[in-house]
Amino acid sequence: MLELQELLKEVNAPLVELVKQYNEKISKINASKVLIKKIILEEVTNEYIDFFLLDDKG
């Protein structure tokens, strides 16, 4: 039984590291998505504001 527990520890250690790396990469991807959405929203907002400001002047 002890041998099985030791074997499981050896197998689990790399898996835990892989899951940690995966989670870090997913976090970076999600942060990038949020940044992209923020930039797009900012661009659309600026275009919307410019349109109405130009519309009021013209």
PDB file of N, CA and C in Angstrom:
ATOM      1  N   MET A   1       0.822  -1.199   0.000  1.00  0.00           N
ATOM      2  CA  MET A   1       0.000   0.000   0.000  1.00  0.00           C
ATOM      3  C   MET A   1       0.863   1.259   0.000  1.00  0.00           C
ATOM      4  N   LEU A   2       1.940   1.242   0.760  1.00  0.00           N
ATOM      5  CA  LEU A   2       2.839   2.386   0.816  1.00  0.00           C
ATOM      6  C   LEU A   2       3.486   2.641  -0.539  1.00  0.00           C
ATOM      7  N   GLU A   3       3.836   1.576  -1.240  1.00  0.00           N
ATOM      8  CA  GLU A   3       4.438   1.724  -2.566  1.00  0.00           C
ATOM      9  C   GLU A   3       3.467   2.398  -3.525  1.00  0.00           C
ATOM     10  N   LEU A   4       2.210   2.037  -3.432  1.00  0.00           N
ATOM     11  CA  LEU A   4       1.191   2.640  -4.286  1.00  0.00           C
ATOM     12  C   LEU A   4       1.056   4.132  -3.985  1.00  0.00           C
ATOM     13  N   GLN A   5       1.089   4.498  -2.719  1.00  0.00           N
ATOM     14  CA  GLN A   5       1.003   5.909  -2.344  1.00  0.00           C
ATOM     15  C   GLN A   5       2.200   6.691  -2.872  1.00  0.00           C
ATOM     16  N   GLU A   6       3.375   6.114  -2.785  1.00  0.00           N
ATOM     17  CA  GLU A   6       4.575   6.776  -3.302  1.00  0.00           C
ATOM     18  C   GLU A   6       4.489   6.947  -4.816  1.00  0.00           C
ATOM     19  N   LEU A   7       3.998   5.923  -5.482  1.00  0.00           N
ATOM     20  CA  LEU A   7       3.840   5.986  -6.934  1.00  0.00           C
ATOM     21  C   LEU A   7       2.841   7.076  -7.319  1.00  0.00           C
ATOM     22  N   LEU A   8       1.758   7.159  -6.581  1.00  0.00           N
ATOM     23  CA  LEU A   8       0.758   8.193  -6.855  1.00  0.00           C
ATOM     24  C   LEU A   8       1.332   9.594  -6.651  1.00  0.00           C
ATOM     25  N   LYS A   9       2.155   9.769  -5.639  1.00  0.00           N
ATOM     26  CA  LYS A   9       2.802  11.066  -5.413  1.00  0.00           C
ATOM     27  C   LYS A   9       3.686  11.435  -6.592  1.00  0.00           C
ATOM     28  N   GLU A  10       4.434  10.457  -7.096  1.00  0.00           N
ATOM     29  CA  GLU A  10       5.316  10.705  -8.233  1.00  0.00           C
ATOM     30  C   GLU A  10       4.525  11.069  -9.488  1.00  0.00           C
ATOM     31  N   VAL A  11       3.391  10.440  -9.660  1.00  0.00           N
ATOM     32  CA  VAL A  11       2.555  10.713 -10.832  1.00  0.00           C
ATOM     33  C   VAL A  11       1.833  12.051 -10.676  1.00  0.00           C
ATOM     34  N   ASN A  12       1.367  12.341  -9.491  1.00  0.00           N
ATOM     35  CA  ASN A  12       0.580  13.552  -9.262  1.00  0.00           C
ATOM     36  C   ASN A  12       1.407  14.831  -9.332  1.00  0.00           C
ATOM     37  N   ALA A  13       2.641  14.788  -8.917  1.00  0.00           N
ATOM     38  CA  ALA A  13       3.466  16.001  -8.887  1.00  0.00           C
ATOM     39  C   ALA A  13       3.538  16.678 -10.259  1.00  0.00           C
ATOM     40  N   PRO A  14       3.884  15.952 -11.328  1.00  0.00           N
ATOM     41  CA  PRO A  14       3.911  16.608 -12.643  1.00  0.00           C
ATOM     42  C   PRO A  14       2.519  17.067 -13.098  1.00  0.00           C
ATOM     43  N   LEU A  15       1.497  16.317 -12.734  1.00  0.00           N
ATOM     44  CA  LEU A  15       0.135  16.708 -13.118  1.00  0.00           C
ATOM     45  C   LEU A  15      -0.274  18.006 -12.434  1.00  0.00           C
ATOM     46  N   VAL A  16       0.083  18.134 -11.179  1.00  0.00           N
ATOM     47  CA  VAL A  16      -0.230  19.365 -10.444  1.00  0.00           C
ATOM     48  C   VAL A  16       0.471  20.551 -11.103  1.00  0.00           C
ATOM     49  N   GLU A  17       1.715  20.364 -11.502  1.00  0.00           N
ATOM     50  CA  GLU A  17       2.465  21.432 -12.175  1.00  0.00           C
ATOM     51  C   GLU A  17       1.827  21.782 -13.516  1.00  0.00           C
ATOM     52  N   LEU A  18       1.400  20.781 -14.261  1.00  0.00           N
ATOM     53  CA  LEU A  18       0.739  21.032 -15.548  1.00  0.00           C
ATOM     54  C   LEU A  18      -0.562  21.808 -15.364  1.00  0.00           C
ATOM     55  N   VAL A  19      -1.327  21.443 -14.362  1.00  0.00           N
ATOM     56  CA  VAL A  19      -2.583  22.151 -14.091  1.00  0.00           C
ATOM     57  C   VAL A  19      -2.290  23.599 -13.697  1.00  0.00           C
ATOM     58  N   LYS A  20      -1.258  23.802 -12.912  1.00  0.00           N
ATOM     59  CA  LYS A  20      -0.870  25.158 -12.507  1.00  0.00           C
ATOM     60  C   LYS A  20      -0.492  25.997 -13.728  1.00  0.00           C
ATOM     61  N   GLN A  21       0.320  25.429 -14.624  1.00  0.00           N
ATOM     62  CA  GLN A  21       0.711  26.137 -15.846  1.00  0.00           C
ATOM     63  C   GLN A  21      -0.500  26.433 -16.722  1.00  0.00           C
ATOM     64  N   TYR A  22      -1.387  25.455 -16.837  1.00  0.00           N
ATOM     65  CA  TYR A  22      -2.606  25.629 -17.630  1.00  0.00           C
ATOM     66  C   TYR A  22      -3.437  26.790 -17.079  1.00  0.00           C
ATOM     67  N   ASN A  23      -3.622  26.810 -15.767  1.00  0.00           N
ATOM     68  CA  ASN A  23      -4.413  27.876 -15.140  1.00  0.00           C
ATOM     69  C   ASN A  23      -3.781  29.245 -15.345  1.00  0.00           C
ATOM     70  N   GLU A  24      -2.452  29.319 -15.274  1.00  0.00           N
ATOM     71  CA  GLU A  24      -1.762  30.589 -15.504  1.00  0.00           C
ATOM     72  C   GLU A  24      -1.976  31.064 -16.939  1.00  0.00           C
ATOM     73  N   LYS A  25      -1.891  30.130 -17.884  1.00  0.00           N
ATOM     74  CA  LYS A  25      -2.087  30.502 -19.290  1.00  0.00           C
ATOM     75  C   LYS A  25      -3.521  30.939 -19.548  1.00  0.00           C
ATOM     76  N   ILE A  26      -4.474  30.238 -18.956  1.00  0.00           N
ATOM     77  CA  ILE A  26      -5.886  30.621 -19.105  1.00  0.00           C
ATOM     78  C   ILE A  26      -6.116  32.013 -18.513  1.00  0.00           C
ATOM     79  N   SER A  27      -5.494  32.306 -17.387  1.00  0.00           N
ATOM     80  CA  SER A  27      -5.632  33.630 -16.770  1.00  0.00           C
ATOM     81  C   SER A  27      -5.096  34.716 -17.691  1.00  0.00           C
ATOM     82  N   LYS A  28      -3.952  34.454 -18.318  1.00  0.00           N
ATOM     83  CA  LYS A  28      -3.372  35.433 -19.248  1.00  0.00           C
ATOM     84  C   LYS A  28      -4.268  35.631 -20.464  1.00  0.00           C
ATOM     85  N   ILE A  29      -4.820  34.533 -20.975  1.00  0.00           N
ATOM     86  CA  ILE A  29      -5.727  34.627 -22.125  1.00  0.00           C
ATOM     87  C   ILE A  29      -6.963  35.440 -21.756  1.00  0.00           C
ATOM     88  N   ASN A  30      -7.530  35.166 -20.601  1.00  0.00           N
ATOM     89  CA  ASN A  30      -8.723  35.904 -20.164  1.00  0.00           C
ATOM     90  C   ASN A  30      -8.418  37.382 -19.957  1.00  0.00           C
ATOM     91  N   ALA A  31      -7.254  37.685 -19.409  1.00  0.00           N
ATOM     92  CA  ALA A  31      -6.861  39.083 -19.219  1.00  0.00           C
ATOM     93  C   ALA A  31      -6.720  39.774 -20.571  1.00  0.00           C
ATOM     94  N   SER A  32      -6.165  39.066 -21.546  1.00  0.00           N
ATOM     95  CA  SER A  32      -6.025  39.624 -22.888  1.00  0.00           C
ATOM     96  C   SER A  32      -7.388  39.890 -23.512  1.00  0.00           C
ATOM     97  N   LYS A  33      -8.316  38.958 -23.317  1.00  0.00           N
ATOM     98  CA  LYS A  33      -9.666  39.141 -23.860  1.00  0.00           C
ATOM     99  C   LYS A  33     -10.333  40.367 -23.255  1.00  0.00           C
ATOM    100  N   VAL A  34     -10.169  40.553 -21.961  1.00  0.00           N
ATOM    101  CA  VAL A  34     -10.757  41.716 -21.290  1.00  0.00           C
ATOM    102  C   VAL A  34     -10.142  42.994 -21.841  1.00  0.00           C
ATOM    103  N   LEU A  35      -8.832  43.001 -22.033  1.00  0.00           N
ATOM    104  CA  LEU A  35      -8.158  44.182 -22.566  1.00  0.00           C
ATOM    105  C   LEU A  35      -8.640  44.490 -23.976  1.00  0.00           C
ATOM    106  N   ILE A  36      -8.767  43.460 -24.801  1.00  0.00           N
ATOM    107  CA  ILE A  36      -9.247  43.655 -26.173  1.00  0.00           C
ATOM    108  C   ILE A  36     -10.665  44.219 -26.163  1.00  0.00           C
ATOM    109  N   LYS A  37     -11.530  43.668 -25.328  1.00  0.00           N
ATOM    110  CA  LYS A  37     -12.904  44.168 -25.251  1.00  0.00           C
ATOM    111  C   LYS A  37     -12.931  45.616 -24.775  1.00  0.00           C
ATOM    112  N   LYS A  38     -12.052  45.952 -23.838  1.00  0.00           N
ATOM    113  CA  LYS A  38     -11.993  47.323 -23.334  1.00  0.00           C
ATOM    114  C   LYS A  38     -11.548  48.275 -24.438  1.00  0.00           C
ATOM    115  N   ILE A  39     -10.546  47.867 -25.214  1.00  0.00           N
ATOM    116  CA  ILE A  39     -10.055  48.706 -26.311  1.00  0.00           C
ATOM    117  C   ILE A  39     -11.148  48.891 -27.359  1.00  0.00           C
ATOM    118  N   ILE A  40     -11.824  47.799 -27.722  1.00  0.00           N
ATOM    119  CA  ILE A  40     -12.901  47.882 -28.716  1.00  0.00           C
ATOM    120  C   ILE A  40     -14.013  48.799 -28.218  1.00  0.00           C
ATOM    121  N   LEU A  41     -14.406  48.640 -26.965  1.00  0.00           N
ATOM    122  CA  LEU A  41     -15.459  49.479 -26.396  1.00  0.00           C
ATOM    123  C   LEU A  41     -15.041  50.946 -26.412  1.00  0.00           C
ATOM    124  N   GLU A  42     -13.787  51.200 -26.091  1.00  0.00           N
ATOM    125  CA  GLU A  42     -13.281  52.567 -26.094  1.00  0.00           C
ATOM    126  C   GLU A  42     -13.313  53.151 -27.502  1.00  0.00           C
ATOM    127  N   GLU A  43     -12.914  52.360 -28.496  1.00  0.00           N
ATOM    128  CA  GLU A  43     -12.929  52.828 -29.885  1.00  0.00           C
ATOM    129  C   GLU A  43     -14.350  53.119 -30.351  1.00  0.00           C
ATOM    130  N   VAL A  44     -15.266  52.216 -30.041  1.00  0.00           N
ATOM    131  CA  VAL A  44     -16.662  52.410 -30.442  1.00  0.00           C
ATOM    132  C   VAL A  44     -17.239  53.641 -29.752  1.00  0.00           C
ATOM    133  N   THR A  45     -16.930  53.806 -28.480  1.00  0.00           N
ATOM    134  CA  THR A  45     -17.415  54.971 -27.739  1.00  0.00           C
ATOM    135  C   THR A  45     -16.878  56.256 -28.349  1.00  0.00           C
ATOM    136  N   ASN A  46     -15.596  56.264 -28.691  1.00  0.00           N
ATOM    137  CA  ASN A  46     -15.003  57.455 -29.308  1.00  0.00           C
ATOM    138  C   ASN A  46     -15.647  57.758 -30.657  1.00  0.00           C
ATOM    139  N   GLU A  47     -15.893  56.719 -31.457  1.00  0.00           N
ATOM    140  CA  GLU A  47     -16.549  56.929 -32.748  1.00  0.00           C
ATOM    141  C   GLU A  47     -17.963  57.470 -32.552  1.00  0.00           C
ATOM    142  N   TYR A  48     -18.663  56.936 -31.579  1.00  0.00           N
ATOM    143  CA  TYR A  48     -20.024  57.372 -31.277  1.00  0.00           C
ATOM    144  C   TYR A  48     -20.022  58.843 -30.860  1.00  0.00           C
ATOM    145  N   ILE A  49     -19.106  59.204 -29.972  1.00  0.00           N
ATOM    146  CA  ILE A  49     -19.004  60.595 -29.508  1.00  0.00           C
ATOM    147  C   ILE A  49     -18.626  61.506 -30.673  1.00  0.00           C
ATOM    148  N   ASP A  50     -17.622  61.097 -31.462  1.00  0.00           N
ATOM    149  CA  ASP A  50     -17.200  61.903 -32.612  1.00  0.00           C
ATOM    150  C   ASP A  50     -18.356  62.112 -33.584  1.00  0.00           C
ATOM    151  N   PHE A  51     -19.120  61.072 -33.832  1.00  0.00           N
ATOM    152  CA  PHE A  51     -20.242  61.168 -34.764  1.00  0.00           C
ATOM    153  C   PHE A  51     -21.239  62.222 -34.302  1.00  0.00           C
ATOM    154  N   PHE A  52     -21.594  62.185 -33.029  1.00  0.00           N
ATOM    155  CA  PHE A  52     -22.589  63.133 -32.541  1.00  0.00           C
ATOM    156  C   PHE A  52     -22.021  64.540 -32.393  1.00  0.00           C
ATOM    157  N   LEU A  53     -20.739  64.655 -32.074  1.00  0.00           N
ATOM    158  CA  LEU A  53     -20.134  65.989 -31.998  1.00  0.00           C
ATOM    159  C   LEU A  53     -20.057  66.608 -33.381  1.00  0.00           C
ATOM    160  N   LEU A  54     -19.654  65.807 -34.363  1.00  0.00           N
ATOM    161  CA  LEU A  54     -19.589  66.314 -35.734  1.00  0.00           C
ATOM    162  C   LEU A  54     -20.989  66.599 -36.261  1.00  0.00           C
ATOM    163  N   ASP A  55     -21.946  65.764 -35.877  1.00  0.00           N
ATOM    164  CA  ASP A  55     -23.323  65.941 -36.323  1.00  0.00           C
ATOM    165  C   ASP A  55     -23.890  67.253 -35.777  1.00  0.00           C
ATOM    166  N   ASP A  56     -23.559  67.577 -34.531  1.00  0.00           N
ATOM    167  CA  ASP A  56     -24.044  68.823 -33.930  1.00  0.00           C
ATOM    168  C   ASP A  56     -23.420  70.043 -34.594  1.00  0.00           C
ATOM    169  N   LYS A  57     -22.166  69.923 -35.030  1.00  0.00           N
ATOM    170  CA  LYS A  57     -21.466  71.048 -35.650  1.00  0.00           C
ATOM    171  C   LYS A  57     -21.885  71.238 -37.107  1.00  0.00           C
ATOM    172  N   GLY A  58     -22.262  70.128 -37.748  1.00  0.00           N
ATOM    173  CA  GLY A  58     -22.475  70.191 -39.195  1.00  0.00           C
ATOM    174  C   GLY A  58     -23.891  70.323 -39.560  1.00  0.00           C
TER     175      GLY A  58
END
